[in-house]
């Protein structure tokens, strides 16, 4: 099973921006919020028109499972 953590933000124009982290550690809500706030505060994305990570929306874990049909030999 593959697990990802999606950090969900709104950009400065109100549209959704997502950062996807593969194979994340388990974190609680406070830790996720603190990390997301650091991303916002760092303001390292150089785009004069839009700040891609302006406000926090939420964070979610997603798990996917694959079932092989066959393996080529």
Protein backbone atom coordinates (compact mmCIF):
# COMPACT_ATOMS: atom_id res chain seq x y z
CA UNK A 1 0.00 0.00 0.00
CA UNK A 2 1.34 3.43 -0.96
CA UNK A 3 0.79 6.36 1.38
CA UNK A 4 1.03 10.08 0.63
CA UNK A 5 0.39 13.19 2.67
CA UNK A 6 -1.24 16.08 0.84
CA UNK A 7 -0.79 19.56 2.26
CA UNK A 8 -3.63 21.67 0.92
CA UNK A 9 -3.44 25.45 0.63
CA UNK A 10 -5.32 28.23 -1.10
CA UNK A 11 -3.24 30.48 -3.29
CA UNK A 12 -3.57 34.25 -3.18
CA UNK A 13 -6.35 34.10 -5.78
CA UNK A 14 -8.42 31.57 -3.83
CA UNK A 15 -7.58 28.48 -5.88
CA UNK A 16 -6.29 25.26 -4.37
CA UNK A 17 -2.57 24.41 -4.32
CA UNK A 18 -1.32 21.05 -3.07
CA UNK A 19 2.06 19.75 -1.97
CA UNK A 20 2.22 15.94 -2.08
CA UNK A 21 4.73 14.12 0.13
CA UNK A 22 5.42 10.47 -0.62
CA UNK A 23 6.13 7.96 2.19
CA UNK A 24 5.48 10.46 4.99
CA UNK A 25 5.92 9.92 8.69
CA UNK A 26 2.76 9.98 10.76
CA UNK A 27 2.10 13.46 12.09
CA UNK A 28 -0.67 15.00 14.14
CA UNK A 29 -2.71 18.07 13.21
CA UNK A 30 -0.56 20.51 15.19
CA UNK A 31 2.65 19.29 13.55
CA UNK A 32 1.13 19.48 10.06
CA UNK A 33 -0.21 23.00 10.69
CA UNK A 34 3.15 24.17 12.02
CA UNK A 35 4.99 22.79 8.98
CA UNK A 36 2.48 24.36 6.61
CA UNK A 37 2.78 27.72 8.38
CA UNK A 38 6.57 27.54 7.94
CA UNK A 39 6.06 27.08 4.20
CA UNK A 40 3.83 30.15 4.11
CA UNK A 41 6.19 32.22 6.28
CA UNK A 42 9.27 31.29 4.21
CA UNK A 43 7.72 32.93 1.13
CA UNK A 44 10.31 31.24 -1.09
CA UNK A 45 8.22 30.92 -4.24
CA UNK A 46 9.07 33.70 -6.66
CA UNK A 47 5.92 34.49 -8.57
CA UNK A 48 4.94 38.15 -8.66
CA UNK A 49 1.38 37.38 -9.74
CA UNK A 50 0.32 34.61 -7.36
CA UNK A 51 1.46 33.34 -3.99
CA UNK A 52 0.85 29.59 -4.42
CA UNK A 53 0.71 28.93 -0.68
CA UNK A 54 -1.16 31.84 0.91
CA UNK A 55 -3.47 30.15 3.43
CA UNK A 56 -3.85 26.73 5.02
CA UNK A 57 -6.85 24.62 4.02
CA UNK A 58 -5.93 21.23 5.52
CA UNK A 59 -3.84 18.08 5.31
CA UNK A 60 -4.90 14.57 4.38
CA UNK A 61 -3.32 11.15 4.15
CA UNK A 62 -4.15 9.13 1.06
CA UNK A 63 -3.49 5.41 0.76
CA UNK A 64 -3.60 3.46 -2.47
CA UNK A 65 -3.28 -0.23 -3.06
CA UNK A 66 -2.35 -1.94 -6.29
CA UNK A 67 -3.32 -5.46 -7.24
CA UNK A 68 -1.15 -7.04 -9.93
CA UNK A 69 -2.95 -8.77 -12.79
CA UNK A 70 0.17 -10.53 -14.08
CA UNK A 71 3.96 -10.18 -14.24
CA UNK A 72 5.75 -10.59 -17.57
CA UNK A 73 8.36 -13.28 -17.47
